[in-house]
Amino acid sequence: MNSEIKKFLFDIRESIDSIDIFLGDKWDFKVYKSDKMLRRAVERELEIIGEAMNRIDQLDPTIEISGKRQIISMRNRVIHGYDKIDDEIVWGTIVRHLPALKSEIENLLR
């Protein structure tokens, strides 16, 4: 694996770790929804994850990461549809998909 792809994988892992830190003990949708700064911070990390994934896909589309297209699409929705972001979809992504993505990324980095 080339060093540029590895850098993007590290960026994804770091963004997932940042989301974990931002949420801290606030793993509660009501708290998330009521805290604009927290929502914006998480959305920014999702943008970074999606952009890094897009660049990985451009460099080597054979790298298998489940949900790759959905991750890139999420980034596009957050950036271009900022006024139509559905907090429930973002929260569902955080809770259901980020733990699995983190595991996949860590396996690729090994």
PDB file of N, CA and C in Angstrom:
ATOM      1  N   MET A   1       0.849  -1.174   0.000  1.00  0.00           N
ATOM      2  CA  MET A   1       0.000   0.000   0.000  1.00  0.00           C
ATOM      3  C   MET A   1       0.897   1.240   0.000  1.00  0.00           C
ATOM      4  N   ASN A   2       0.565   2.182  -0.877  1.00  0.00           N
ATOM      5  CA  ASN A   2       1.434   3.360  -0.953  1.00  0.00           C
ATOM      6  C   ASN A   2       1.218   4.300   0.234  1.00  0.00           C
ATOM      7  N   SER A   3       2.190   5.159   0.462  1.00  0.00           N
ATOM      8  CA  SER A   3       2.189   6.014   1.660  1.00  0.00           C
ATOM      9  C   SER A   3       1.058   7.038   1.640  1.00  0.00           C
ATOM     10  N   GLU A   4       0.645   7.460   0.476  1.00  0.00           N
ATOM     11  CA  GLU A   4      -0.444   8.436   0.390  1.00  0.00           C
ATOM     12  C   GLU A   4      -1.764   7.805   0.863  1.00  0.00           C
ATOM     13  N   ILE A   5      -2.016   6.587   0.438  1.00  0.00           N
ATOM     14  CA  ILE A   5      -3.222   5.889   0.879  1.00  0.00           C
ATOM     15  C   ILE A   5      -3.165   5.664   2.382  1.00  0.00           C
ATOM     16  N   LYS A   6      -1.999   5.286   2.878  1.00  0.00           N
ATOM     17  CA  LYS A   6      -1.841   5.084   4.320  1.00  0.00           C
ATOM     18  C   LYS A   6      -2.156   6.371   5.092  1.00  0.00           C
ATOM     19  N   LYS A   7      -1.709   7.509   4.567  1.00  0.00           N
ATOM     20  CA  LYS A   7      -1.977   8.794   5.208  1.00  0.00           C
ATOM     21  C   LYS A   7      -3.485   9.046   5.286  1.00  0.00           C
ATOM     22  N   PHE A   8      -4.211   8.745   4.193  1.00  0.00           N
ATOM     23  CA  PHE A   8      -5.656   8.943   4.193  1.00  0.00           C
ATOM     24  C   PHE A   8      -6.346   7.999   5.176  1.00  0.00           C
ATOM     25  N   LEU A   9      -5.845   6.781   5.285  1.00  0.00           N
ATOM     26  CA  LEU A   9      -6.389   5.838   6.262  1.00  0.00           C
ATOM     27  C   LEU A   9      -6.170   6.347   7.690  1.00  0.00           C
ATOM     28  N   PHE A  10      -4.982   6.903   7.954  1.00  0.00           N
ATOM     29  CA  PHE A  10      -4.708   7.503   9.269  1.00  0.00           C
ATOM     30  C   PHE A  10      -5.658   8.670   9.522  1.00  0.00           C
ATOM     31  N   ASP A  11      -5.911   9.490   8.487  1.00  0.00           N
ATOM     32  CA  ASP A  11      -6.832  10.617   8.629  1.00  0.00           C
ATOM     33  C   ASP A  11      -8.235  10.143   9.011  1.00  0.00           C
ATOM     34  N   ILE A  12      -8.681   9.062   8.374  1.00  0.00           N
ATOM     35  CA  ILE A  12     -10.001   8.516   8.692  1.00  0.00           C
ATOM     36  C   ILE A  12     -10.037   8.043  10.135  1.00  0.00           C
ATOM     37  N   ARG A  13      -9.024   7.295  10.533  1.00  0.00           N
ATOM     38  CA  ARG A  13      -8.982   6.796  11.915  1.00  0.00           C
ATOM     39  C   ARG A  13      -8.954   7.960  12.908  1.00  0.00           C
ATOM     40  N   GLU A  14      -8.178   8.970  12.609  1.00  0.00           N
ATOM     41  CA  GLU A  14      -8.088  10.129  13.505  1.00  0.00           C
ATOM     42  C   GLU A  14      -9.437  10.847  13.613  1.00  0.00           C
ATOM     43  N   SER A  15     -10.154  10.972  12.496  1.00  0.00           N
ATOM     44  CA  SER A  15     -11.465  11.625  12.536  1.00  0.00           C
ATOM     45  C   SER A  15     -12.471  10.812  13.346  1.00  0.00           C
ATOM     46  N   ILE A  16     -12.433   9.492  13.205  1.00  0.00           N
ATOM     47  CA  ILE A  16     -13.323   8.648  14.004  1.00  0.00           C
ATOM     48  C   ILE A  16     -12.978   8.800  15.483  1.00  0.00           C
ATOM     49  N   ASP A  17     -11.691   8.807  15.801  1.00  0.00           N
ATOM     50  CA  ASP A  17     -11.267   9.001  17.193  1.00  0.00           C
ATOM     51  C   ASP A  17     -11.727  10.361  17.712  1.00  0.00           C
ATOM     52  N   SER A  18     -11.650  11.383  16.874  1.00  0.00           N
ATOM     53  CA  SER A  18     -12.093  12.720  17.278  1.00  0.00           C
ATOM     54  C   SER A  18     -13.576  12.730  17.592  1.00  0.00           C
ATOM     55  N   ILE A  19     -14.374  12.062  16.768  1.00  0.00           N
ATOM     56  CA  ILE A  19     -15.816  11.987  17.036  1.00  0.00           C
ATOM     57  C   ILE A  19     -16.061  11.313  18.385  1.00  0.00           C
ATOM     58  N   ASP A  20     -15.328  10.239  18.649  1.00  0.00           N
ATOM     59  CA  ASP A  20     -15.453   9.566  19.959  1.00  0.00           C
ATOM     60  C   ASP A  20     -15.126  10.530  21.096  1.00  0.00           C
ATOM     61  N   ILE A  21     -14.074  11.310  20.930  1.00  0.00           N
ATOM     62  CA  ILE A  21     -13.674  12.271  21.965  1.00  0.00           C
ATOM     63  C   ILE A  21     -14.733  13.367  22.120  1.00  0.00           C
ATOM     64  N   PHE A  22     -15.219  13.893  20.985  1.00  0.00           N
ATOM     65  CA  PHE A  22     -16.233  14.957  21.043  1.00  0.00           C
ATOM     66  C   PHE A  22     -17.476  14.490  21.792  1.00  0.00           C
ATOM     67  N   LEU A  23     -17.882  13.259  21.526  1.00  0.00           N
ATOM     68  CA  LEU A  23     -19.095  12.747  22.173  1.00  0.00           C
ATOM     69  C   LEU A  23     -18.849  12.419  23.632  1.00  0.00           C
ATOM     70  N   GLY A  24     -17.639  11.986  23.953  1.00  0.00           N
ATOM     71  CA  GLY A  24     -17.303  11.689  25.343  1.00  0.00           C
ATOM     72  C   GLY A  24     -18.380  10.862  25.997  1.00  0.00           C
ATOM     73  N   ASP A  25     -18.976  11.410  27.037  1.00  0.00           N
ATOM     74  CA  ASP A  25     -20.059  10.708  27.722  1.00  0.00           C
ATOM     75  C   ASP A  25     -21.426  11.173  27.218  1.00  0.00           C
ATOM     76  N   LYS A  26     -21.431  11.893  26.104  1.00  0.00           N
ATOM     77  CA  LYS A  26     -22.676  12.445  25.552  1.00  0.00           C
ATOM     78  C   LYS A  26     -23.265  11.558  24.453  1.00  0.00           C
ATOM     79  N   TRP A  27     -23.139  10.255  24.583  1.00  0.00           N
ATOM     80  CA  TRP A  27     -23.677   9.352  23.573  1.00  0.00           C
ATOM     81  C   TRP A  27     -25.194   9.267  23.717  1.00  0.00           C
ATOM     82  N   ASP A  28     -25.814  10.409  23.527  1.00  0.00           N
ATOM     83  CA  ASP A  28     -27.259  10.524  23.668  1.00  0.00           C
ATOM     84  C   ASP A  28     -27.745  11.440  22.554  1.00  0.00           C
ATOM     85  N   PHE A  29     -28.690  10.960  21.768  1.00  0.00           N
ATOM     86  CA  PHE A  29     -29.148  11.727  20.614  1.00  0.00           C
ATOM     87  C   PHE A  29     -29.711  13.091  21.017  1.00  0.00           C
ATOM     88  N   LYS A  30     -30.432  13.150  22.124  1.00  0.00           N
ATOM     89  CA  LYS A  30     -31.015  14.431  22.547  1.00  0.00           C
ATOM     90  C   LYS A  30     -29.917  15.442  22.869  1.00  0.00           C
ATOM     91  N   VAL A  31     -28.870  14.999  23.514  1.00  0.00           N
ATOM     92  CA  VAL A  31     -27.743  15.885  23.820  1.00  0.00           C
ATOM     93  C   VAL A  31     -27.074  16.310  22.519  1.00  0.00           C
ATOM     94  N   TYR A  32     -26.845  15.354  21.620  1.00  0.00           N
ATOM     95  CA  TYR A  32     -26.223  15.650  20.326  1.00  0.00           C
ATOM     96  C   TYR A  32     -27.049  16.692  19.566  1.00  0.00           C
ATOM     97  N   LYS A  33     -28.342  16.467  19.469  1.00  0.00           N
ATOM     98  CA  LYS A  33     -29.222  17.354  18.701  1.00  0.00           C
ATOM     99  C   LYS A  33     -29.285  18.757  19.300  1.00  0.00           C
ATOM    100  N   SER A  34     -29.156  18.867  20.615  1.00  0.00           N
ATOM    101  CA  SER A  34     -29.290  20.178  21.260  1.00  0.00           C
ATOM    102  C   SER A  34     -27.982  20.971  21.288  1.00  0.00           C
ATOM    103  N   ASP A  35     -26.876  20.363  20.871  1.00  0.00           N
ATOM    104  CA  ASP A  35     -25.560  21.025  20.948  1.00  0.00           C
ATOM    105  C   ASP A  35     -25.039  21.311  19.537  1.00  0.00           C
ATOM    106  N   LYS A  36     -25.283  22.528  19.075  1.00  0.00           N
ATOM    107  CA  LYS A  36     -24.913  22.906  17.701  1.00  0.00           C
ATOM    108  C   LYS A  36     -23.411  22.760  17.458  1.00  0.00           C
ATOM    109  N   MET A  37     -22.599  23.154  18.418  1.00  0.00           N
ATOM    110  CA  MET A  37     -21.155  23.062  18.232  1.00  0.00           C
ATOM    111  C   MET A  37     -20.721  21.597  18.093  1.00  0.00           C
ATOM    112  N   LEU A  38     -21.295  20.730  18.879  1.00  0.00           N
ATOM    113  CA  LEU A  38     -20.996  19.304  18.782  1.00  0.00           C
ATOM    114  C   LEU A  38     -21.418  18.768  17.415  1.00  0.00           C
ATOM    115  N   ARG A  39     -22.607  19.121  16.963  1.00  0.00           N
ATOM    116  CA  ARG A  39     -23.075  18.654  15.653  1.00  0.00           C
ATOM    117  C   ARG A  39     -22.144  19.120  14.545  1.00  0.00           C
ATOM    118  N   ARG A  40     -21.752  20.373  14.585  1.00  0.00           N
ATOM    119  CA  ARG A  40     -20.870  20.912  13.535  1.00  0.00           C
ATOM    120  C   ARG A  40     -19.498  20.245  13.575  1.00  0.00           C
ATOM    121  N   ALA A  41     -18.993  19.968  14.759  1.00  0.00           N
ATOM    122  CA  ALA A  41     -17.691  19.295  14.876  1.00  0.00           C
ATOM    123  C   ALA A  41     -17.761  17.888  14.296  1.00  0.00           C
ATOM    124  N   VAL A  42     -18.821  17.165  14.609  1.00  0.00           N
ATOM    125  CA  VAL A  42     -18.992  15.810  14.073  1.00  0.00           C
ATOM    126  C   VAL A  42     -19.154  15.867  12.552  1.00  0.00           C
ATOM    127  N   GLU A  43     -19.951  16.804  12.067  1.00  0.00           N
ATOM    128  CA  GLU A  43     -20.144  16.937  10.621  1.00  0.00           C
ATOM    129  C   GLU A  43     -18.821  17.212   9.916  1.00  0.00           C
ATOM    130  N   ARG A  44     -17.987  18.034  10.511  1.00  0.00           N
ATOM    131  CA  ARG A  44     -16.680  18.329   9.904  1.00  0.00           C
ATOM    132  C   ARG A  44     -15.831  17.060   9.817  1.00  0.00           C
ATOM    133  N   GLU A  45     -15.833  16.263  10.871  1.00  0.00           N
ATOM    134  CA  GLU A  45     -15.058  15.017  10.840  1.00  0.00           C
ATOM    135  C   GLU A  45     -15.620  14.057   9.794  1.00  0.00           C
ATOM    136  N   LEU A  46     -16.940  14.039   9.612  1.00  0.00           N
ATOM    137  CA  LEU A  46     -17.532  13.207   8.564  1.00  0.00           C
ATOM    138  C   LEU A  46     -17.108  13.686   7.175  1.00  0.00           C
ATOM    139  N   GLU A  47     -16.969  15.002   7.018  1.00  0.00           N
ATOM    140  CA  GLU A  47     -16.464  15.543   5.753  1.00  0.00           C
ATOM    141  C   GLU A  47     -15.051  15.032   5.480  1.00  0.00           C
ATOM    142  N   ILE A  48     -14.216  15.062   6.505  1.00  0.00           N
ATOM    143  CA  ILE A  48     -12.830  14.610   6.359  1.00  0.00           C
ATOM    144  C   ILE A  48     -12.792  13.123   6.019  1.00  0.00           C
ATOM    145  N   ILE A  49     -13.608  12.337   6.716  1.00  0.00           N
ATOM    146  CA  ILE A  49     -13.656  10.897   6.441  1.00  0.00           C
ATOM    147  C   ILE A  49     -14.065  10.653   4.989  1.00  0.00           C
ATOM    148  N   GLY A  50     -15.101  11.331   4.541  1.00  0.00           N
ATOM    149  CA  GLY A  50     -15.580  11.154   3.170  1.00  0.00           C
ATOM    150  C   GLY A  50     -14.581  11.613   2.130  1.00  0.00           C
ATOM    151  N   GLU A  51     -13.910  12.717   2.385  1.00  0.00           N
ATOM    152  CA  GLU A  51     -12.909  13.214   1.432  1.00  0.00           C
ATOM    153  C   GLU A  51     -11.716  12.275   1.366  1.00  0.00           C
ATOM    154  N   ALA A  52     -11.261  11.799   2.506  1.00  0.00           N
ATOM    155  CA  ALA A  52     -10.143  10.841   2.519  1.00  0.00           C
ATOM    156  C   ALA A  52     -10.540   9.563   1.785  1.00  0.00           C
ATOM    157  N   MET A  53     -11.768   9.107   2.004  1.00  0.00           N
ATOM    158  CA  MET A  53     -12.252   7.905   1.324  1.00  0.00           C
ATOM    159  C   MET A  53     -12.305   8.125  -0.184  1.00  0.00           C
ATOM    160  N   ASN A  54     -12.744   9.285  -0.603  1.00  0.00           N
ATOM    161  CA  ASN A  54     -12.807   9.615  -2.025  1.00  0.00           C
ATOM    162  C   ASN A  54     -11.403   9.580  -2.643  1.00  0.00           C
ATOM    163  N   ARG A  55     -10.452  10.126  -1.948  1.00  0.00           N
ATOM    164  CA  ARG A  55      -9.081  10.151  -2.470  1.00  0.00           C
ATOM    165  C   ARG A  55      -8.483   8.740  -2.529  1.00  0.00           C
ATOM    166  N   ILE A  56      -8.789   7.932  -1.528  1.00  0.00           N
ATOM    167  CA  ILE A  56      -8.335   6.530  -1.556  1.00  0.00           C
ATOM    168  C   ILE A  56      -8.920   5.837  -2.779  1.00  0.00           C
ATOM    169  N   ASP A  57     -10.216   6.055  -3.004  1.00  0.00           N
ATOM    170  CA  ASP A  57     -10.896   5.417  -4.134  1.00  0.00           C
ATOM    171  C   ASP A  57     -10.303   5.864  -5.465  1.00  0.00           C
ATOM    172  N   GLN A  58      -9.918   7.117  -5.559  1.00  0.00           N
ATOM    173  CA  GLN A  58      -9.298   7.619  -6.793  1.00  0.00           C
ATOM    174  C   GLN A  58      -7.913   7.009  -7.006  1.00  0.00           C
ATOM    175  N   LEU A  59      -7.162   6.844  -5.931  1.00  0.00           N
ATOM    176  CA  LEU A  59      -5.813   6.284  -6.043  1.00  0.00           C
ATOM    177  C   LEU A  59      -5.819   4.783  -6.296  1.00  0.00           C
ATOM    178  N   ASP A  60      -6.742   4.069  -5.627  1.00  0.00           N
ATOM    179  CA  ASP A  60      -6.793   2.611  -5.770  1.00  0.00           C
ATOM    180  C   ASP A  60      -8.210   2.112  -5.492  1.00  0.00           C
ATOM    181  N   PRO A  61      -9.028   2.058  -6.537  1.00  0.00           N
ATOM    182  CA  PRO A  61     -10.420   1.635  -6.344  1.00  0.00           C
ATOM    183  C   PRO A  61     -10.573   0.171  -5.930  1.00  0.00           C
ATOM    184  N   THR A  62      -9.493  -0.596  -5.950  1.00  0.00           N
ATOM    185  CA  THR A  62      -9.579  -2.007  -5.557  1.00  0.00           C
ATOM    186  C   THR A  62      -9.527  -2.200  -4.049  1.00  0.00           C
ATOM    187  N   ILE A  63      -9.190  -1.155  -3.306  1.00  0.00           N
ATOM    188  CA  ILE A  63      -9.162  -1.284  -1.841  1.00  0.00           C
ATOM    189  C   ILE A  63     -10.596  -1.466  -1.356  1.00  0.00           C
ATOM    190  N   GLU A  64     -10.806  -2.559  -0.657  1.00  0.00           N
ATOM    191  CA  GLU A  64     -12.143  -2.930  -0.185  1.00  0.00           C
ATOM    192  C   GLU A  64     -12.432  -2.302   1.176  1.00  0.00           C
ATOM    193  N   ILE A  65     -13.396  -1.401   1.168  1.00  0.00           N
ATOM    194  CA  ILE A  65     -13.909  -0.824   2.408  1.00  0.00           C
ATOM    195  C   ILE A  65     -15.423  -0.829   2.258  1.00  0.00           C
ATOM    196  N   SER A  66     -16.102  -1.528   3.145  1.00  0.00           N
ATOM    197  CA  SER A  66     -17.557  -1.625   3.013  1.00  0.00           C
ATOM    198  C   SER A  66     -18.180  -0.237   3.208  1.00  0.00           C
ATOM    199  N   GLY A  67     -19.162   0.031   2.381  1.00  0.00           N
ATOM    200  CA  GLY A  67     -19.857   1.310   2.462  1.00  0.00           C
ATOM    201  C   GLY A  67     -19.082   2.482   1.884  1.00  0.00           C
ATOM    202  N   LYS A  68     -18.060   2.192   1.091  1.00  0.00           N
ATOM    203  CA  LYS A  68     -17.206   3.264   0.547  1.00  0.00           C
ATOM    204  C   LYS A  68     -18.031   4.334  -0.186  1.00  0.00           C
ATOM    205  N   ARG A  69     -18.923   3.911  -1.059  1.00  0.00           N
ATOM    206  CA  ARG A  69     -19.740   4.871  -1.826  1.00  0.00           C
ATOM    207  C   ARG A  69     -20.661   5.665  -0.897  1.00  0.00           C
ATOM    208  N   GLN A  70     -21.236   4.992   0.099  1.00  0.00           N
ATOM    209  CA  GLN A  70     -22.140   5.679   1.026  1.00  0.00           C
ATOM    210  C   GLN A  70     -21.382   6.717   1.865  1.00  0.00           C
ATOM    211  N   ILE A  71     -20.147   6.399   2.218  1.00  0.00           N
ATOM    212  CA  ILE A  71     -19.331   7.330   3.001  1.00  0.00           C
ATOM    213  C   ILE A  71     -19.039   8.583   2.178  1.00  0.00           C
ATOM    214  N   ILE A  72     -18.686   8.378   0.915  1.00  0.00           N
ATOM    215  CA  ILE A  72     -18.414   9.509   0.026  1.00  0.00           C
ATOM    216  C   ILE A  72     -19.691  10.319  -0.194  1.00  0.00           C
ATOM    217  N   SER A  73     -20.813   9.638  -0.356  1.00  0.00           N
ATOM    218  CA  SER A  73     -22.098  10.331  -0.528  1.00  0.00           C
ATOM    219  C   SER A  73     -22.474  11.143   0.702  1.00  0.00           C
ATOM    220  N   MET A  74     -22.194  10.599   1.887  1.00  0.00           N
ATOM    221  CA  MET A  74     -22.467  11.330   3.128  1.00  0.00           C
ATOM    222  C   MET A  74     -21.669  12.623   3.157  1.00  0.00           C
ATOM    223  N   ARG A  75     -20.404  12.551   2.776  1.00  0.00           N
ATOM    224  CA  ARG A  75     -19.558  13.749   2.720  1.00  0.00           C
ATOM    225  C   ARG A  75     -20.174  14.790   1.797  1.00  0.00           C
ATOM    226  N   ASN A  76     -20.636  14.352   0.634  1.00  0.00           N
ATOM    227  CA  ASN A  76     -21.227  15.284  -0.326  1.00  0.00           C
ATOM    228  C   ASN A  76     -22.506  15.916   0.213  1.00  0.00           C
ATOM    229  N   ARG A  77     -23.315  15.115   0.906  1.00  0.00           N
ATOM    230  CA  ARG A  77     -24.551  15.661   1.498  1.00  0.00           C
ATOM    231  C   ARG A  77     -24.238  16.687   2.578  1.00  0.00           C
ATOM    232  N   VAL A  78     -23.249  16.393   3.406  1.00  0.00           N
ATOM    233  CA  VAL A  78     -22.908  17.307   4.501  1.00  0.00           C
ATOM    234  C   VAL A  78     -22.362  18.621   3.943  1.00  0.00           C
ATOM    235  N   ILE A  79     -21.519  18.523   2.932  1.00  0.00           N
ATOM    236  CA  ILE A  79     -20.913  19.741   2.376  1.00  0.00           C
ATOM    237  C   ILE A  79     -21.899  20.532   1.524  1.00  0.00           C
ATOM    238  N   HIS A  80     -22.549  19.864   0.595  1.00  0.00           N
ATOM    239  CA  HIS A  80     -23.377  20.585  -0.376  1.00  0.00           C
ATOM    240  C   HIS A  80     -24.816  20.773   0.075  1.00  0.00           C
ATOM    241  N   GLY A  81     -25.262  19.950   0.989  1.00  0.00           N
ATOM    242  CA  GLY A  81     -26.635  20.062   1.458  1.00  0.00           C
ATOM    243  C   GLY A  81     -26.688  20.435   2.918  1.00  0.00           C
ATOM    244  N   TYR A  82     -25.767  21.316   3.319  1.00  0.00           N
ATOM    245  CA  TYR A  82     -25.651  21.672   4.741  1.00  0.00           C
ATOM    246  C   TYR A  82     -26.970  22.111   5.353  1.00  0.00           C
ATOM    247  N   ASP A  83     -27.847  22.675   4.549  1.00  0.00           N
ATOM    248  CA  ASP A  83     -29.121  23.160   5.068  1.00  0.00           C
ATOM    249  C   ASP A  83     -30.178  22.056   5.150  1.00  0.00           C
ATOM    250  N   LYS A  84     -29.816  20.857   4.688  1.00  0.00           N
ATOM    251  CA  LYS A  84     -30.769  19.740   4.691  1.00  0.00           C
ATOM    252  C   LYS A  84     -30.218  18.532   5.430  1.00  0.00           C
ATOM    253  N   ILE A  85     -29.261  18.752   6.319  1.00  0.00           N
ATOM    254  CA  ILE A  85     -28.663  17.643   7.053  1.00  0.00           C
ATOM    255  C   ILE A  85     -29.683  17.083   8.037  1.00  0.00           C
ATOM    256  N   ASP A  86     -29.852  15.782   7.998  1.00  0.00           N
ATOM    257  CA  ASP A  86     -30.773  15.100   8.895  1.00  0.00           C
ATOM    258  C   ASP A  86     -29.967  14.572  10.083  1.00  0.00           C
ATOM    259  N   ASP A  87     -30.187  15.173  11.239  1.00  0.00           N
ATOM    260  CA  ASP A  87     -29.426  14.790  12.433  1.00  0.00           C
ATOM    261  C   ASP A  87     -29.607  13.321  12.788  1.00  0.00           C
ATOM    262  N   GLU A  88     -30.779  12.771  12.519  1.00  0.00           N
ATOM    263  CA  GLU A  88     -31.015  11.364  12.826  1.00  0.00           C
ATOM    264  C   GLU A  88     -30.167  10.454  11.947  1.00  0.00           C
ATOM    265  N   ILE A  89     -29.996  10.819  10.685  1.00  0.00           N
ATOM    266  CA  ILE A  89     -29.152  10.022   9.785  1.00  0.00           C
ATOM    267  C   ILE A  89     -27.697  10.111  10.223  1.00  0.00           C
ATOM    268  N   VAL A  90     -27.252  11.306  10.564  1.00  0.00           N
ATOM    269  CA  VAL A  90     -25.871  11.476  11.040  1.00  0.00           C
ATOM    270  C   VAL A  90     -25.664  10.653  12.308  1.00  0.00           C
ATOM    271  N   TRP A  91     -26.600  10.745  13.239  1.00  0.00           N
ATOM    272  CA  TRP A  91     -26.481   9.994  14.493  1.00  0.00           C
ATOM    273  C   TRP A  91     -26.456   8.491  14.217  1.00  0.00           C
ATOM    274  N   GLY A  92     -27.321   8.028  13.341  1.00  0.00           N
ATOM    275  CA  GLY A  92     -27.341   6.611  12.984  1.00  0.00           C
ATOM    276  C   GLY A  92     -26.012   6.159  12.390  1.00  0.00           C
ATOM    277  N   THR A  93     -25.415   7.014  11.589  1.00  0.00           N
ATOM    278  CA  THR A  93     -24.097   6.719  11.005  1.00  0.00           C
ATOM    279  C   THR A  93     -23.052   6.581  12.099  1.00  0.00           C
ATOM    280  N   ILE A  94     -23.073   7.503  13.032  1.00  0.00           N
ATOM    281  CA  ILE A  94     -22.100   7.482  14.132  1.00  0.00           C
ATOM    282  C   ILE A  94     -22.226   6.193  14.942  1.00  0.00           C
ATOM    283  N   VAL A  95     -23.436   5.868  15.309  1.00  0.00           N
ATOM    284  CA  VAL A  95     -23.680   4.746  16.215  1.00  0.00           C
ATOM    285  C   VAL A  95     -23.520   3.394  15.521  1.00  0.00           C
ATOM    286  N   ARG A  96     -24.055   3.278  14.297  1.00  0.00           N
ATOM    287  CA  ARG A  96     -24.078   1.968  13.639  1.00  0.00           C
ATOM    288  C   ARG A  96     -22.886   1.696  12.742  1.00  0.00           C
ATOM    289  N   HIS A  97     -22.349   2.714  12.087  1.00  0.00           N
ATOM    290  CA  HIS A  97     -21.361   2.452  11.037  1.00  0.00           C
ATOM    291  C   HIS A  97     -19.920   2.812  11.394  1.00  0.00           C
ATOM    292  N   LEU A  98     -19.717   3.829  12.216  1.00  0.00           N
ATOM    293  CA  LEU A  98     -18.335   4.227  12.511  1.00  0.00           C
ATOM    294  C   LEU A  98     -17.530   3.168  13.261  1.00  0.00           C
ATOM    295  N   PRO A  99     -18.109   2.450  14.216  1.00  0.00           N
ATOM    296  CA  PRO A  99     -17.301   1.408  14.878  1.00  0.00           C
ATOM    297  C   PRO A  99     -16.781   0.348  13.890  1.00  0.00           C
ATOM    298  N   ALA A 100     -17.626  -0.077  12.960  1.00  0.00           N
ATOM    299  CA  ALA A 100     -17.203  -1.071  11.961  1.00  0.00           C
ATOM    300  C   ALA A 100     -16.165  -0.481  11.019  1.00  0.00           C
ATOM    301  N   LEU A 101     -16.356   0.769  10.620  1.00  0.00           N
ATOM    302  CA  LEU A 101     -15.389   1.426   9.738  1.00  0.00           C
ATOM    303  C   LEU A 101     -14.036   1.525  10.424  1.00  0.00           C
ATOM    304  N   LYS A 102     -14.045   1.902  11.694  1.00  0.00           N
ATOM    305  CA  LYS A 102     -12.784   2.004  12.432  1.00  0.00           C
ATOM    306  C   LYS A 102     -12.046   0.668  12.449  1.00  0.00           C
ATOM    307  N   SER A 103     -12.776  -0.391  12.672  1.00  0.00           N
ATOM    308  CA  SER A 103     -12.175  -1.721  12.678  1.00  0.00           C
ATOM    309  C   SER A 103     -11.580  -2.065  11.309  1.00  0.00           C
ATOM    310  N   GLU A 104     -12.292  -1.770  10.244  1.00  0.00           N
ATOM    311  CA  GLU A 104     -11.788  -2.030   8.887  1.00  0.00           C
ATOM    312  C   GLU A 104     -10.519  -1.233   8.612  1.00  0.00           C
ATOM    313  N   ILE A 105     -10.531   0.040   8.998  1.00  0.00           N
ATOM    314  CA  ILE A 105      -9.378   0.913   8.755  1.00  0.00           C
ATOM    315  C   ILE A 105      -8.174   0.395   9.527  1.00  0.00           C
ATOM    316  N   GLU A 106      -8.379   0.013  10.778  1.00  0.00           N
ATOM    317  CA  GLU A 106      -7.266  -0.520  11.577  1.00  0.00           C
ATOM    318  C   GLU A 106      -6.702  -1.799  10.960  1.00  0.00           C
ATOM    319  N   ASN A 107      -7.569  -2.645  10.427  1.00  0.00           N
ATOM    320  CA  ASN A 107      -7.093  -3.854   9.754  1.00  0.00           C
ATOM    321  C   ASN A 107      -6.273  -3.529   8.507  1.00  0.00           C
ATOM    322  N   LEU A 108      -6.704  -2.531   7.757  1.00  0.00           N
ATOM    323  CA  LEU A 108      -5.949  -2.131   6.564  1.00  0.00           C
ATOM    324  C   LEU A 108      -4.591  -1.528   6.932  1.00  0.00           C
ATOM    325  N   LEU A 109      -4.530  -0.852   8.060  1.00  0.00           N
ATOM    326  CA  LEU A 109      -3.273  -0.237   8.480  1.00  0.00           C
ATOM    327  C   LEU A 109      -2.262  -1.259   9.016  1.00  0.00           C
ATOM    328  N   ARG A 110      -2.718  -2.447   9.366  1.00  0.00           N
ATOM    329  CA  ARG A 110      -1.821  -3.489   9.877  1.00  0.00           C
ATOM    330  C   ARG A 110      -1.028  -4.113   8.766  1.00  0.00           C
TER     331      ARG A 110
END
